[in-house]
Amino acid sequence: MSKILIADDASFMRLMISQILARQGLTNIMEAENGRQAVELYKSYKPDLTLMDITMPELDGLAALAEILMIDPAAKVVICSAVADENIVKESMRMGATGFIAKPFRPDELLYTVLKQLN
């Protein structure tokens, strides 16, 4: 069963993403409320996929992405953010993100991206 880490400072967003994934049978989910916690959970559990917000306290999503990729260069990290201007998307992909989902997103868009990353 795939392990998924959701890193977002908004608890309602973590819950919504978890519910969308659970309907698809993806229930092995960990949650982080900031970038620092995301890095620590990644170290401990090595999830198959991380969904990462950008704007978070303690460590933003791009800094957390960089730290995770130092731990595991093969990490699959999809940025999931409302900050979706072209420069941010390009920068996150250049840094090593494997995908980008702009908020607000449709549930089918999220599932498509997640399943594509896991296969």
N, C-alpha and C. Protein backbone atom coordinates (compact mmCIF):
# COMPACT_ATOMS: atom_id res chain seq x y z
N MET A 1 0.84 -1.19 0.00
CA MET A 1 0.00 0.00 0.00
C MET A 1 0.88 1.24 0.00
N SER A 2 0.56 2.17 -0.87
CA SER A 2 1.34 3.40 -1.00
C SER A 2 1.20 4.29 0.23
N LYS A 3 2.33 4.86 0.65
CA LYS A 3 2.34 5.82 1.76
C LYS A 3 2.38 7.23 1.18
N ILE A 4 1.46 8.07 1.65
CA ILE A 4 1.38 9.44 1.14
C ILE A 4 1.49 10.42 2.30
N LEU A 5 2.33 11.42 2.13
CA LEU A 5 2.49 12.48 3.11
C LEU A 5 1.82 13.74 2.56
N ILE A 6 0.92 14.33 3.34
CA ILE A 6 0.27 15.58 2.98
C ILE A 6 0.83 16.66 3.90
N ALA A 7 1.49 17.66 3.31
CA ALA A 7 2.05 18.76 4.10
C ALA A 7 1.34 20.05 3.73
N ASP A 8 0.53 20.54 4.66
CA ASP A 8 -0.22 21.77 4.44
C ASP A 8 -0.55 22.35 5.81
N ASP A 9 -0.41 23.65 5.96
CA ASP A 9 -0.67 24.25 7.28
C ASP A 9 -2.17 24.39 7.56
N ALA A 10 -3.02 24.23 6.53
CA ALA A 10 -4.47 24.32 6.73
C ALA A 10 -5.04 22.92 6.98
N SER A 11 -5.56 22.71 8.19
CA SER A 11 -6.08 21.38 8.54
C SER A 11 -7.25 20.98 7.64
N PHE A 12 -8.08 21.93 7.21
CA PHE A 12 -9.21 21.58 6.33
C PHE A 12 -8.70 21.08 4.99
N MET A 13 -7.57 21.60 4.51
CA MET A 13 -7.01 21.16 3.23
C MET A 13 -6.44 19.74 3.38
N ARG A 14 -5.75 19.48 4.48
CA ARG A 14 -5.24 18.12 4.70
C ARG A 14 -6.39 17.13 4.76
N LEU A 15 -7.47 17.50 5.46
CA LEU A 15 -8.64 16.63 5.58
C LEU A 15 -9.28 16.40 4.22
N MET A 16 -9.45 17.46 3.45
CA MET A 16 -10.09 17.32 2.14
C MET A 16 -9.27 16.40 1.22
N ILE A 17 -7.96 16.60 1.19
CA ILE A 17 -7.10 15.76 0.35
C ILE A 17 -7.16 14.31 0.84
N SER A 18 -7.10 14.10 2.14
CA SER A 18 -7.18 12.74 2.71
C SER A 18 -8.47 12.05 2.30
N GLN A 19 -9.58 12.78 2.36
CA GLN A 19 -10.88 12.20 2.01
C GLN A 19 -10.94 11.83 0.52
N ILE A 20 -10.41 12.69 -0.33
CA ILE A 20 -10.39 12.40 -1.78
C ILE A 20 -9.56 11.14 -2.03
N LEU A 21 -8.40 11.05 -1.39
CA LEU A 21 -7.52 9.88 -1.58
C LEU A 21 -8.15 8.62 -1.00
N ALA A 22 -8.81 8.73 0.16
CA ALA A 22 -9.42 7.57 0.80
C ALA A 22 -10.50 6.95 -0.07
N ARG A 23 -11.24 7.80 -0.79
CA ARG A 23 -12.28 7.27 -1.69
C ARG A 23 -11.68 6.43 -2.81
N GLN A 24 -10.39 6.61 -3.06
CA GLN A 24 -9.69 5.84 -4.09
C GLN A 24 -8.94 4.65 -3.45
N GLY A 25 -9.12 4.47 -2.13
CA GLY A 25 -8.48 3.36 -1.43
C GLY A 25 -7.09 3.69 -0.92
N LEU A 26 -6.69 4.95 -1.04
CA LEU A 26 -5.38 5.38 -0.55
C LEU A 26 -5.56 5.90 0.87
N THR A 27 -5.27 5.03 1.84
CA THR A 27 -5.57 5.38 3.22
C THR A 27 -4.33 5.42 4.13
N ASN A 28 -3.17 5.07 3.60
CA ASN A 28 -1.94 5.11 4.39
C ASN A 28 -1.35 6.51 4.28
N ILE A 29 -1.94 7.44 5.05
CA ILE A 29 -1.65 8.86 4.90
C ILE A 29 -1.08 9.44 6.19
N MET A 30 -0.02 10.23 6.03
CA MET A 30 0.56 10.97 7.14
C MET A 30 0.32 12.44 6.87
N GLU A 31 0.23 13.24 7.92
CA GLU A 31 0.00 14.67 7.75
C GLU A 31 1.04 15.48 8.50
N ALA A 32 1.46 16.57 7.84
CA ALA A 32 2.38 17.53 8.45
C ALA A 32 1.75 18.91 8.33
N GLU A 33 1.89 19.71 9.39
CA GLU A 33 1.29 21.04 9.34
C GLU A 33 2.30 22.14 9.03
N ASN A 34 3.57 21.76 8.83
CA ASN A 34 4.57 22.73 8.40
C ASN A 34 5.71 21.98 7.70
N GLY A 35 6.58 22.75 7.05
CA GLY A 35 7.66 22.14 6.28
C GLY A 35 8.64 21.36 7.12
N ARG A 36 8.94 21.84 8.33
CA ARG A 36 9.88 21.14 9.21
C ARG A 36 9.35 19.77 9.56
N GLN A 37 8.06 19.71 9.94
CA GLN A 37 7.43 18.44 10.28
C GLN A 37 7.40 17.50 9.06
N ALA A 38 7.19 18.07 7.88
CA ALA A 38 7.19 17.26 6.65
C ALA A 38 8.54 16.58 6.44
N VAL A 39 9.61 17.33 6.64
CA VAL A 39 10.95 16.77 6.47
C VAL A 39 11.19 15.64 7.48
N GLU A 40 10.80 15.87 8.74
CA GLU A 40 10.99 14.85 9.78
C GLU A 40 10.18 13.59 9.48
N LEU A 41 8.92 13.76 9.06
CA LEU A 41 8.10 12.60 8.71
C LEU A 41 8.67 11.88 7.50
N TYR A 42 9.19 12.63 6.55
CA TYR A 42 9.80 11.99 5.37
C TYR A 42 10.97 11.12 5.79
N LYS A 43 11.82 11.66 6.65
CA LYS A 43 12.99 10.90 7.13
C LYS A 43 12.55 9.59 7.78
N SER A 44 11.52 9.66 8.61
CA SER A 44 11.08 8.50 9.38
C SER A 44 10.34 7.46 8.54
N TYR A 45 9.50 7.92 7.61
CA TYR A 45 8.57 6.99 6.95
C TYR A 45 8.81 6.79 5.45
N LYS A 46 9.64 7.60 4.84
CA LYS A 46 9.93 7.48 3.40
C LYS A 46 8.65 7.23 2.58
N PRO A 47 7.73 8.21 2.56
CA PRO A 47 6.50 8.02 1.80
C PRO A 47 6.77 7.86 0.31
N ASP A 48 5.84 7.21 -0.37
CA ASP A 48 5.95 7.02 -1.82
C ASP A 48 5.67 8.32 -2.57
N LEU A 49 4.89 9.20 -1.93
CA LEU A 49 4.54 10.46 -2.55
C LEU A 49 4.30 11.50 -1.46
N THR A 50 4.75 12.73 -1.71
CA THR A 50 4.50 13.84 -0.80
C THR A 50 3.75 14.92 -1.57
N LEU A 51 2.64 15.39 -0.98
CA LEU A 51 1.90 16.53 -1.53
C LEU A 51 2.23 17.71 -0.63
N MET A 52 2.85 18.75 -1.20
CA MET A 52 3.46 19.81 -0.40
C MET A 52 2.91 21.19 -0.77
N ASP A 53 2.37 21.87 0.23
CA ASP A 53 1.98 23.27 0.05
C ASP A 53 3.27 24.10 0.04
N ILE A 54 3.20 25.32 -0.48
CA ILE A 54 4.39 26.18 -0.45
C ILE A 54 4.39 27.07 0.78
N THR A 55 3.28 27.76 1.02
CA THR A 55 3.23 28.74 2.10
C THR A 55 2.88 28.06 3.42
N MET A 56 3.92 27.79 4.22
CA MET A 56 3.74 27.13 5.52
C MET A 56 4.70 27.75 6.52
N PRO A 57 4.36 27.65 7.82
CA PRO A 57 5.28 28.17 8.84
C PRO A 57 6.49 27.26 9.04
N GLU A 58 7.47 27.79 9.73
CA GLU A 58 8.72 27.12 10.12
C GLU A 58 9.65 26.84 8.95
N LEU A 59 9.13 26.24 7.89
CA LEU A 59 9.93 25.94 6.70
C LEU A 59 8.94 25.91 5.55
N ASP A 60 9.16 26.76 4.54
CA ASP A 60 8.18 26.75 3.45
C ASP A 60 8.34 25.50 2.59
N GLY A 61 7.38 25.29 1.71
CA GLY A 61 7.36 24.06 0.92
C GLY A 61 8.56 23.88 0.00
N LEU A 62 9.07 24.97 -0.57
CA LEU A 62 10.22 24.83 -1.46
C LEU A 62 11.49 24.49 -0.68
N ALA A 63 11.64 25.08 0.52
CA ALA A 63 12.79 24.74 1.36
C ALA A 63 12.68 23.28 1.83
N ALA A 64 11.46 22.85 2.17
CA ALA A 64 11.25 21.46 2.59
C ALA A 64 11.52 20.51 1.42
N LEU A 65 11.09 20.90 0.22
CA LEU A 65 11.37 20.10 -0.99
C LEU A 65 12.87 19.90 -1.14
N ALA A 66 13.64 20.98 -0.99
CA ALA A 66 15.10 20.89 -1.13
C ALA A 66 15.69 19.94 -0.10
N GLU A 67 15.22 20.03 1.15
CA GLU A 67 15.75 19.14 2.21
C GLU A 67 15.38 17.69 1.95
N ILE A 68 14.15 17.45 1.52
CA ILE A 68 13.71 16.08 1.24
C ILE A 68 14.53 15.49 0.10
N LEU A 69 14.80 16.28 -0.93
CA LEU A 69 15.59 15.77 -2.06
C LEU A 69 17.05 15.52 -1.68
N MET A 70 17.55 16.22 -0.64
CA MET A 70 18.89 15.92 -0.14
C MET A 70 18.90 14.57 0.57
N ILE A 71 17.80 14.26 1.28
CA ILE A 71 17.66 12.98 1.98
C ILE A 71 17.49 11.85 0.96
N ASP A 72 16.63 12.09 -0.04
CA ASP A 72 16.27 11.07 -1.02
C ASP A 72 16.09 11.73 -2.39
N PRO A 73 17.14 11.70 -3.22
CA PRO A 73 17.07 12.34 -4.53
C PRO A 73 15.95 11.78 -5.43
N ALA A 74 15.45 10.59 -5.12
CA ALA A 74 14.39 9.98 -5.93
C ALA A 74 12.99 10.28 -5.37
N ALA A 75 12.90 11.13 -4.36
CA ALA A 75 11.60 11.44 -3.74
C ALA A 75 10.64 12.02 -4.77
N LYS A 76 9.39 11.61 -4.65
CA LYS A 76 8.32 12.16 -5.49
C LYS A 76 7.56 13.19 -4.65
N VAL A 77 7.70 14.45 -5.04
CA VAL A 77 7.05 15.54 -4.32
C VAL A 77 6.25 16.37 -5.32
N VAL A 78 4.96 16.43 -5.09
CA VAL A 78 4.08 17.26 -5.91
C VAL A 78 3.73 18.50 -5.10
N ILE A 79 4.01 19.65 -5.65
CA ILE A 79 3.64 20.91 -5.00
C ILE A 79 2.15 21.14 -5.24
N CYS A 80 1.45 21.47 -4.17
CA CYS A 80 0.00 21.68 -4.21
C CYS A 80 -0.26 23.03 -3.56
N SER A 81 -0.37 24.08 -4.38
CA SER A 81 -0.36 25.43 -3.81
C SER A 81 -1.26 26.41 -4.55
N ALA A 82 -1.74 27.39 -3.81
CA ALA A 82 -2.50 28.49 -4.42
C ALA A 82 -1.55 29.50 -5.06
N VAL A 83 -0.28 29.46 -4.67
CA VAL A 83 0.74 30.32 -5.28
C VAL A 83 1.20 29.59 -6.54
N ALA A 84 0.51 29.88 -7.65
CA ALA A 84 0.76 29.07 -8.85
C ALA A 84 1.15 29.92 -10.05
N ASP A 85 1.84 31.04 -9.80
CA ASP A 85 2.26 31.81 -10.97
C ASP A 85 3.36 31.03 -11.69
N GLU A 86 3.55 31.37 -12.93
CA GLU A 86 4.44 30.61 -13.81
C GLU A 86 5.86 30.47 -13.24
N ASN A 87 6.37 31.53 -12.62
CA ASN A 87 7.73 31.49 -12.06
C ASN A 87 7.85 30.47 -10.93
N ILE A 88 6.84 30.42 -10.06
CA ILE A 88 6.85 29.47 -8.94
C ILE A 88 6.77 28.04 -9.46
N VAL A 89 5.90 27.81 -10.44
CA VAL A 89 5.77 26.46 -11.02
C VAL A 89 7.10 26.04 -11.62
N LYS A 90 7.70 26.91 -12.42
CA LYS A 90 8.99 26.59 -13.07
C LYS A 90 10.08 26.35 -12.03
N GLU A 91 10.13 27.20 -11.00
CA GLU A 91 11.15 27.06 -9.96
C GLU A 91 11.00 25.75 -9.20
N SER A 92 9.77 25.39 -8.84
CA SER A 92 9.57 24.14 -8.09
C SER A 92 9.95 22.93 -8.95
N MET A 93 9.64 22.97 -10.23
CA MET A 93 10.00 21.85 -11.11
C MET A 93 11.52 21.81 -11.31
N ARG A 94 12.14 22.98 -11.44
CA ARG A 94 13.60 23.03 -11.59
C ARG A 94 14.29 22.45 -10.36
N MET A 95 13.69 22.71 -9.19
CA MET A 95 14.27 22.22 -7.93
C MET A 95 14.12 20.71 -7.77
N GLY A 96 13.18 20.10 -8.52
CA GLY A 96 13.03 18.66 -8.44
C GLY A 96 11.64 18.15 -8.10
N ALA A 97 10.66 19.06 -8.00
CA ALA A 97 9.28 18.59 -7.79
C ALA A 97 8.88 17.74 -9.00
N THR A 98 8.07 16.73 -8.76
CA THR A 98 7.66 15.85 -9.85
C THR A 98 6.30 16.24 -10.42
N GLY A 99 5.69 17.27 -9.84
CA GLY A 99 4.41 17.75 -10.36
C GLY A 99 3.98 19.00 -9.62
N PHE A 100 2.92 19.63 -10.14
CA PHE A 100 2.39 20.85 -9.52
C PHE A 100 0.87 20.85 -9.70
N ILE A 101 0.15 21.04 -8.61
CA ILE A 101 -1.31 21.16 -8.65
C ILE A 101 -1.66 22.53 -8.09
N ALA A 102 -2.39 23.32 -8.88
CA ALA A 102 -2.79 24.64 -8.41
C ALA A 102 -4.09 24.54 -7.62
N LYS A 103 -4.12 25.22 -6.47
CA LYS A 103 -5.36 25.31 -5.68
C LYS A 103 -6.13 26.52 -6.19
N PRO A 104 -7.44 26.48 -6.22
CA PRO A 104 -8.26 25.30 -5.89
C PRO A 104 -8.20 24.28 -7.03
N PHE A 105 -8.27 23.02 -6.68
CA PHE A 105 -8.21 21.94 -7.67
C PHE A 105 -9.50 21.14 -7.62
N ARG A 106 -9.75 20.40 -8.68
CA ARG A 106 -10.89 19.48 -8.71
C ARG A 106 -10.42 18.13 -8.17
N PRO A 107 -11.28 17.39 -7.46
CA PRO A 107 -10.87 16.08 -6.94
C PRO A 107 -10.30 15.16 -8.01
N ASP A 108 -10.90 15.14 -9.21
CA ASP A 108 -10.40 14.25 -10.25
C ASP A 108 -9.01 14.67 -10.73
N GLU A 109 -8.72 15.96 -10.70
CA GLU A 109 -7.40 16.46 -11.08
C GLU A 109 -6.35 15.99 -10.06
N LEU A 110 -6.69 16.09 -8.78
CA LEU A 110 -5.79 15.62 -7.72
C LEU A 110 -5.54 14.12 -7.87
N LEU A 111 -6.61 13.36 -8.03
CA LEU A 111 -6.46 11.90 -8.14
C LEU A 111 -5.64 11.51 -9.36
N TYR A 112 -5.88 12.16 -10.48
CA TYR A 112 -5.13 11.86 -11.69
C TYR A 112 -3.63 12.04 -11.45
N THR A 113 -3.28 13.17 -10.85
CA THR A 113 -1.86 13.46 -10.59
C THR A 113 -1.26 12.47 -9.61
N VAL A 114 -1.98 12.18 -8.52
CA VAL A 114 -1.48 11.24 -7.52
C VAL A 114 -1.28 9.85 -8.11
N LEU A 115 -2.28 9.36 -8.82
CA LEU A 115 -2.17 8.00 -9.39
C LEU A 115 -1.06 7.92 -10.43
N LYS A 116 -0.88 8.98 -11.22
CA LYS A 116 0.19 9.02 -12.20
C LYS A 116 1.55 8.94 -11.51
N GLN A 117 1.69 9.63 -10.38
CA GLN A 117 2.95 9.62 -9.63
C GLN A 117 3.24 8.26 -9.00
N LEU A 118 2.18 7.58 -8.58
CA LEU A 118 2.36 6.30 -7.88
C LEU A 118 2.58 5.11 -8.83
N ASN A 119 2.27 5.30 -10.10
CA ASN A 119 2.42 4.18 -11.06
C ASN A 119 3.72 4.27 -11.84
